[in-house]
Each structure stands twice: as structure tokens, then as C-alpha cells.
Amino acid sequence: MKHLSLFAVGFAAFFAATPLQSKVYYVTTNGTNDGTSWEKAMGSLDDALAKATSGDEIWIAAG
């Protein structure tokens, strides 16, 4: 029973520490794409905010 409890705690800790489907959206002043990479950056912070969900990150280029 002790081994099963340790396994359950370890299993739960592993999945609690793993991000689930989080995304990064990229924004530049001259972007025109979907924001999935710097090469495909969005041009508007408003668009990125509208697309992002809880846990996602928005990276904004300098300038």
C-alpha cells in the first residue's frame, strides 16, 4: 500500500508540473501572420490578446 501511495503522489506531481497545451504568440510592429513564431509574428497586440487563452504567453519584439 505504501508503494501505491508513493506512486500516486509522484504521478500527480509530474502532471501538475507539466504545462498543458500552452502556446506562445509573437508580436512585431510589421507582423502579418498567425503569431506562431517570430517569422510568422502578429502585427497587433490586440490580436494576440484576443487569441491567447489562460496559460499562454505573448512575446513582444522591441521597437
PDB file of N, CA and C in Angstrom:
ATOM      1  N   MET A   1       0.818  -1.192   0.000  1.00  0.00           N
ATOM      2  CA  MET A   1       0.000   0.000   0.000  1.00  0.00           C
ATOM      3  C   MET A   1       0.873   1.271   0.000  1.00  0.00           C
ATOM      4  N   LYS A   2       1.996   1.215   0.721  1.00  0.00           N
ATOM      5  CA  LYS A   2       2.882   2.371   0.785  1.00  0.00           C
ATOM      6  C   LYS A   2       3.454   2.691  -0.592  1.00  0.00           C
ATOM      7  N   HIS A   3       3.802   1.660  -1.369  1.00  0.00           N
ATOM      8  CA  HIS A   3       4.348   1.876  -2.709  1.00  0.00           C
ATOM      9  C   HIS A   3       3.302   2.494  -3.636  1.00  0.00           C
ATOM     10  N   LEU A   4       2.070   2.056  -3.494  1.00  0.00           N
ATOM     11  CA  LEU A   4       0.995   2.601  -4.312  1.00  0.00           C
ATOM     12  C   LEU A   4       0.778   4.084  -3.994  1.00  0.00           C
ATOM     13  N   SER A   5       0.832   4.438  -2.720  1.00  0.00           N
ATOM     14  CA  SER A   5       0.661   5.837  -2.320  1.00  0.00           C
ATOM     15  C   SER A   5       1.793   6.709  -2.863  1.00  0.00           C
ATOM     16  N   LEU A   6       3.023   6.227  -2.781  1.00  0.00           N
ATOM     17  CA  LEU A   6       4.159   6.977  -3.313  1.00  0.00           C
ATOM     18  C   LEU A   6       4.044   7.147  -4.822  1.00  0.00           C
ATOM     19  N   PHE A   7       3.603   6.099  -5.494  1.00  0.00           N
ATOM     20  CA  PHE A   7       3.410   6.173  -6.942  1.00  0.00           C
ATOM     21  C   PHE A   7       2.345   7.216  -7.282  1.00  0.00           C
ATOM     22  N   ALA A   8       1.248   7.217  -6.560  1.00  0.00           N
ATOM     23  CA  ALA A   8       0.161   8.157  -6.823  1.00  0.00           C
ATOM     24  C   ALA A   8       0.618   9.601  -6.608  1.00  0.00           C
ATOM     25  N   VAL A   9       1.373   9.843  -5.554  1.00  0.00           N
ATOM     26  CA  VAL A   9       1.876  11.191  -5.284  1.00  0.00           C
ATOM     27  C   VAL A   9       2.851  11.624  -6.380  1.00  0.00           C
ATOM     28  N   GLY A  10       3.749  10.744  -6.769  1.00  0.00           N
ATOM     29  CA  GLY A  10       4.699  11.055  -7.833  1.00  0.00           C
ATOM     30  C   GLY A  10       4.010  11.311  -9.162  1.00  0.00           C
ATOM     31  N   PHE A  11       3.026  10.503  -9.468  1.00  0.00           N
ATOM     32  CA  PHE A  11       2.257  10.640 -10.701  1.00  0.00           C
ATOM     33  C   PHE A  11       1.539  11.993 -10.732  1.00  0.00           C
ATOM     34  N   ALA A  12       0.893  12.347  -9.639  1.00  0.00           N
ATOM     35  CA  ALA A  12       0.171  13.620  -9.560  1.00  0.00           C
ATOM     36  C   ALA A  12       1.135  14.807  -9.662  1.00  0.00           C
ATOM     37  N   ALA A  13       2.277  14.716  -9.009  1.00  0.00           N
ATOM     38  CA  ALA A  13       3.255  15.804  -9.054  1.00  0.00           C
ATOM     39  C   ALA A  13       3.798  16.006 -10.462  1.00  0.00           C
ATOM     40  N   PHE A  14       4.013  14.920 -11.182  1.00  0.00           N
ATOM     41  CA  PHE A  14       4.514  15.015 -12.554  1.00  0.00           C
ATOM     42  C   PHE A  14       3.534  15.778 -13.435  1.00  0.00           C
ATOM     43  N   PHE A  15       2.267  15.430 -13.371  1.00  0.00           N
ATOM     44  CA  PHE A  15       1.293  16.077 -14.231  1.00  0.00           C
ATOM     45  C   PHE A  15       0.944  17.485 -13.764  1.00  0.00           C
ATOM     46  N   ALA A  16       1.081  17.765 -12.496  1.00  0.00           N
ATOM     47  CA  ALA A  16       0.827  19.120 -12.004  1.00  0.00           C
ATOM     48  C   ALA A  16       1.914  20.077 -12.486  1.00  0.00           C
ATOM     49  N   ALA A  17       3.124  19.572 -12.702  1.00  0.00           N
ATOM     50  CA  ALA A  17       4.242  20.414 -13.120  1.00  0.00           C
ATOM     51  C   ALA A  17       4.353  20.539 -14.633  1.00  0.00           C
ATOM     52  N   THR A  18       3.575  19.784 -15.386  1.00  0.00           N
ATOM     53  CA  THR A  18       3.646  19.787 -16.841  1.00  0.00           C
ATOM     54  C   THR A  18       2.629  20.770 -17.413  1.00  0.00           C
ATOM     55  N   PRO A  19       3.070  21.779 -18.177  1.00  0.00           N
ATOM     56  CA  PRO A  19       2.109  22.698 -18.780  1.00  0.00           C
ATOM     57  C   PRO A  19       1.254  21.977 -19.815  1.00  0.00           C
ATOM     58  N   LEU A  20      -0.023  22.275 -19.822  1.00  0.00           N
ATOM     59  CA  LEU A  20      -0.948  21.617 -20.726  1.00  0.00           C
ATOM     60  C   LEU A  20      -1.307  22.542 -21.884  1.00  0.00           C
ATOM     61  N   GLN A  21      -0.773  22.252 -23.047  1.00  0.00           N
ATOM     62  CA  GLN A  21      -1.153  22.937 -24.274  1.00  0.00           C
ATOM     63  C   GLN A  21      -0.966  24.452 -24.231  1.00  0.00           C
ATOM     64  N   SER A  22       0.005  24.947 -23.504  1.00  0.00           N
ATOM     65  CA  SER A  22       0.236  26.390 -23.519  1.00  0.00           C
ATOM     66  C   SER A  22       0.949  26.769 -24.815  1.00  0.00           C
ATOM     67  N   LYS A  23       0.670  27.965 -25.285  1.00  0.00           N
ATOM     68  CA  LYS A  23       1.241  28.441 -26.543  1.00  0.00           C
ATOM     69  C   LYS A  23       1.948  29.767 -26.317  1.00  0.00           C
ATOM     70  N   VAL A  24       2.836  30.094 -27.235  1.00  0.00           N
ATOM     71  CA  VAL A  24       3.499  31.396 -27.243  1.00  0.00           C
ATOM     72  C   VAL A  24       3.088  32.102 -28.528  1.00  0.00           C
ATOM     73  N   TYR A  25       2.614  33.337 -28.396  1.00  0.00           N
ATOM     74  CA  TYR A  25       2.276  34.154 -29.550  1.00  0.00           C
ATOM     75  C   TYR A  25       3.291  35.290 -29.649  1.00  0.00           C
ATOM     76  N   TYR A  26       3.779  35.538 -30.860  1.00  0.00           N
ATOM     77  CA  TYR A  26       4.816  36.536 -31.108  1.00  0.00           C
ATOM     78  C   TYR A  26       4.205  37.750 -31.801  1.00  0.00           C
ATOM     79  N   VAL A  27       4.649  38.943 -31.380  1.00  0.00           N
ATOM     80  CA  VAL A  27       4.125  40.187 -31.941  1.00  0.00           C
ATOM     81  C   VAL A  27       5.297  41.092 -32.325  1.00  0.00           C
ATOM     82  N   THR A  28       5.266  41.607 -33.555  1.00  0.00           N
ATOM     83  CA  THR A  28       6.225  42.613 -34.016  1.00  0.00           C
ATOM     84  C   THR A  28       5.448  43.751 -34.672  1.00  0.00           C
ATOM     85  N   THR A  29       6.110  44.870 -34.875  1.00  0.00           N
ATOM     86  CA  THR A  29       5.421  46.020 -35.472  1.00  0.00           C
ATOM     87  C   THR A  29       5.053  45.790 -36.934  1.00  0.00           C
ATOM     88  N   ASN A  30       5.776  44.894 -37.618  1.00  0.00           N
ATOM     89  CA  ASN A  30       5.488  44.652 -39.040  1.00  0.00           C
ATOM     90  C   ASN A  30       4.955  43.242 -39.303  1.00  0.00           C
ATOM     91  N   GLY A  31       4.476  42.557 -38.282  1.00  0.00           N
ATOM     92  CA  GLY A  31       3.955  41.206 -38.463  1.00  0.00           C
ATOM     93  C   GLY A  31       2.607  41.194 -39.161  1.00  0.00           C
ATOM     94  N   THR A  32       2.359  40.116 -39.922  1.00  0.00           N
ATOM     95  CA  THR A  32       1.084  39.988 -40.642  1.00  0.00           C
ATOM     96  C   THR A  32       0.542  38.561 -40.610  1.00  0.00           C
ATOM     97  N   ASN A  33       1.070  37.709 -39.756  1.00  0.00           N
ATOM     98  CA  ASN A  33       0.682  36.302 -39.783  1.00  0.00           C
ATOM     99  C   ASN A  33      -0.032  35.868 -38.505  1.00  0.00           C
ATOM    100  N   ASP A  34       0.069  34.563 -38.179  1.00  0.00           N
ATOM    101  CA  ASP A  34      -0.700  33.986 -37.075  1.00  0.00           C
ATOM    102  C   ASP A  34      -0.017  34.043 -35.715  1.00  0.00           C
ATOM    103  N   GLY A  35       1.236  34.503 -35.646  1.00  0.00           N
ATOM    104  CA  GLY A  35       1.918  34.672 -34.373  1.00  0.00           C
ATOM    105  C   GLY A  35       2.534  33.433 -33.774  1.00  0.00           C
ATOM    106  N   THR A  36       2.706  32.374 -34.562  1.00  0.00           N
ATOM    107  CA  THR A  36       3.242  31.122 -34.026  1.00  0.00           C
ATOM    108  C   THR A  36       4.763  31.089 -33.950  1.00  0.00           C
ATOM    109  N   SER A  37       5.440  32.082 -34.534  1.00  0.00           N
ATOM    110  CA  SER A  37       6.902  32.182 -34.463  1.00  0.00           C
ATOM    111  C   SER A  37       7.275  33.629 -34.762  1.00  0.00           C
ATOM    112  N   TRP A  38       8.560  33.969 -34.568  1.00  0.00           N
ATOM    113  CA  TRP A  38       8.996  35.324 -34.903  1.00  0.00           C
ATOM    114  C   TRP A  38       8.829  35.582 -36.391  1.00  0.00           C
ATOM    115  N   GLU A  39       9.064  34.566 -37.214  1.00  0.00           N
ATOM    116  CA  GLU A  39       8.920  34.723 -38.662  1.00  0.00           C
ATOM    117  C   GLU A  39       7.457  34.890 -39.071  1.00  0.00           C
ATOM    118  N   LYS A  40       6.538  34.400 -38.261  1.00  0.00           N
ATOM    119  CA  LYS A  40       5.103  34.489 -38.546  1.00  0.00           C
ATOM    120  C   LYS A  40       4.396  35.340 -37.495  1.00  0.00           C
ATOM    121  N   ALA A  41       5.072  36.377 -37.025  1.00  0.00           N
ATOM    122  CA  ALA A  41       4.546  37.195 -35.932  1.00  0.00           C
ATOM    123  C   ALA A  41       3.284  37.955 -36.326  1.00  0.00           C
ATOM    124  N   MET A  42       2.466  38.240 -35.317  1.00  0.00           N
ATOM    125  CA  MET A  42       1.300  39.104 -35.492  1.00  0.00           C
ATOM    126  C   MET A  42       1.768  40.552 -35.461  1.00  0.00           C
ATOM    127  N   GLY A  43       0.984  41.441 -36.025  1.00  0.00           N
ATOM    128  CA  GLY A  43       1.335  42.850 -36.028  1.00  0.00           C
ATOM    129  C   GLY A  43       0.607  43.660 -34.978  1.00  0.00           C
ATOM    130  N   SER A  44      -0.255  43.010 -34.198  1.00  0.00           N
ATOM    131  CA  SER A  44      -1.072  43.743 -33.244  1.00  0.00           C
ATOM    132  C   SER A  44      -1.142  43.014 -31.908  1.00  0.00           C
ATOM    133  N   LEU A  45      -0.880  43.736 -30.837  1.00  0.00           N
ATOM    134  CA  LEU A  45      -1.020  43.163 -29.505  1.00  0.00           C
ATOM    135  C   LEU A  45      -2.476  42.800 -29.234  1.00  0.00           C
ATOM    136  N   ASP A  46      -3.403  43.598 -29.737  1.00  0.00           N
ATOM    137  CA  ASP A  46      -4.823  43.302 -29.551  1.00  0.00           C
ATOM    138  C   ASP A  46      -5.202  41.954 -30.155  1.00  0.00           C
ATOM    139  N   ASP A  47      -4.659  41.641 -31.339  1.00  0.00           N
ATOM    140  CA  ASP A  47      -4.936  40.348 -31.968  1.00  0.00           C
ATOM    141  C   ASP A  47      -4.390  39.203 -31.124  1.00  0.00           C
ATOM    142  N   ALA A  48      -3.186  39.385 -30.584  1.00  0.00           N
ATOM    143  CA  ALA A  48      -2.581  38.348 -29.747  1.00  0.00           C
ATOM    144  C   ALA A  48      -3.391  38.146 -28.471  1.00  0.00           C
ATOM    145  N   LEU A  49      -3.829  39.234 -27.859  1.00  0.00           N
ATOM    146  CA  LEU A  49      -4.642  39.130 -26.648  1.00  0.00           C
ATOM    147  C   LEU A  49      -5.971  38.435 -26.924  1.00  0.00           C
ATOM    148  N   ALA A  50      -6.550  38.685 -28.086  1.00  0.00           N
ATOM    149  CA  ALA A  50      -7.813  38.048 -28.440  1.00  0.00           C
ATOM    150  C   ALA A  50      -7.646  36.548 -28.673  1.00  0.00           C
ATOM    151  N   LYS A  51      -6.492  36.146 -29.171  1.00  0.00           N
ATOM    152  CA  LYS A  51      -6.243  34.742 -29.490  1.00  0.00           C
ATOM    153  C   LYS A  51      -5.753  33.937 -28.284  1.00  0.00           C
ATOM    154  N   ALA A  52      -5.071  34.583 -27.352  1.00  0.00           N
ATOM    155  CA  ALA A  52      -4.469  33.891 -26.209  1.00  0.00           C
ATOM    156  C   ALA A  52      -5.536  33.432 -25.219  1.00  0.00           C
ATOM    157  N   THR A  53      -5.237  32.300 -24.576  1.00  0.00           N
ATOM    158  CA  THR A  53      -6.081  31.785 -23.508  1.00  0.00           C
ATOM    159  C   THR A  53      -5.237  31.661 -22.242  1.00  0.00           C
ATOM    160  N   SER A  54      -5.853  31.287 -21.167  1.00  0.00           N
ATOM    161  CA  SER A  54      -5.163  31.160 -19.882  1.00  0.00           C
ATOM    162  C   SER A  54      -3.953  30.240 -20.003  1.00  0.00           C
ATOM    163  N   GLY A  55      -2.808  30.700 -19.539  1.00  0.00           N
ATOM    164  CA  GLY A  55      -1.577  29.916 -19.593  1.00  0.00           C
ATOM    165  C   GLY A  55      -0.704  30.211 -20.796  1.00  0.00           C
ATOM    166  N   ASP A  56      -1.238  30.887 -21.810  1.00  0.00           N
ATOM    167  CA  ASP A  56      -0.451  31.245 -22.988  1.00  0.00           C
ATOM    168  C   ASP A  56       0.459  32.428 -22.677  1.00  0.00           C
ATOM    169  N   GLU A  57       1.502  32.594 -23.491  1.00  0.00           N
ATOM    170  CA  GLU A  57       2.425  33.717 -23.356  1.00  0.00           C
ATOM    171  C   GLU A  57       2.387  34.549 -24.623  1.00  0.00           C
ATOM    172  N   ILE A  58       2.585  35.851 -24.466  1.00  0.00           N
ATOM    173  CA  ILE A  58       2.694  36.761 -25.607  1.00  0.00           C
ATOM    174  C   ILE A  58       4.054  37.433 -25.517  1.00  0.00           C
ATOM    175  N   TRP A  59       4.875  37.234 -26.537  1.00  0.00           N
ATOM    176  CA  TRP A  59       6.213  37.825 -26.592  1.00  0.00           C
ATOM    177  C   TRP A  59       6.173  38.981 -27.577  1.00  0.00           C
ATOM    178  N   ILE A  60       6.661  40.133 -27.142  1.00  0.00           N
ATOM    179  CA  ILE A  60       6.612  41.345 -27.953  1.00  0.00           C
ATOM    180  C   ILE A  60       8.033  41.784 -28.283  1.00  0.00           C
ATOM    181  N   ALA A  61       8.298  41.984 -29.580  1.00  0.00           N
ATOM    182  CA  ALA A  61       9.629  42.411 -30.022  1.00  0.00           C
ATOM    183  C   ALA A  61       9.873  43.862 -29.630  1.00  0.00           C
ATOM    184  N   ALA A  62      11.129  44.184 -29.372  1.00  0.00           N
ATOM    185  CA  ALA A  62      11.497  45.567 -29.070  1.00  0.00           C
ATOM    186  C   ALA A  62      11.265  46.432 -30.300  1.00  0.00           C
ATOM    187  N   GLY A  63      10.901  47.669 -30.071  1.00  0.00           N
ATOM    188  CA  GLY A  63      10.743  48.590 -31.181  1.00  0.00           C
ATOM    189  C   GLY A  63       9.371  48.963 -31.340  1.00  0.00           C
TER     190      GLY A  63
END
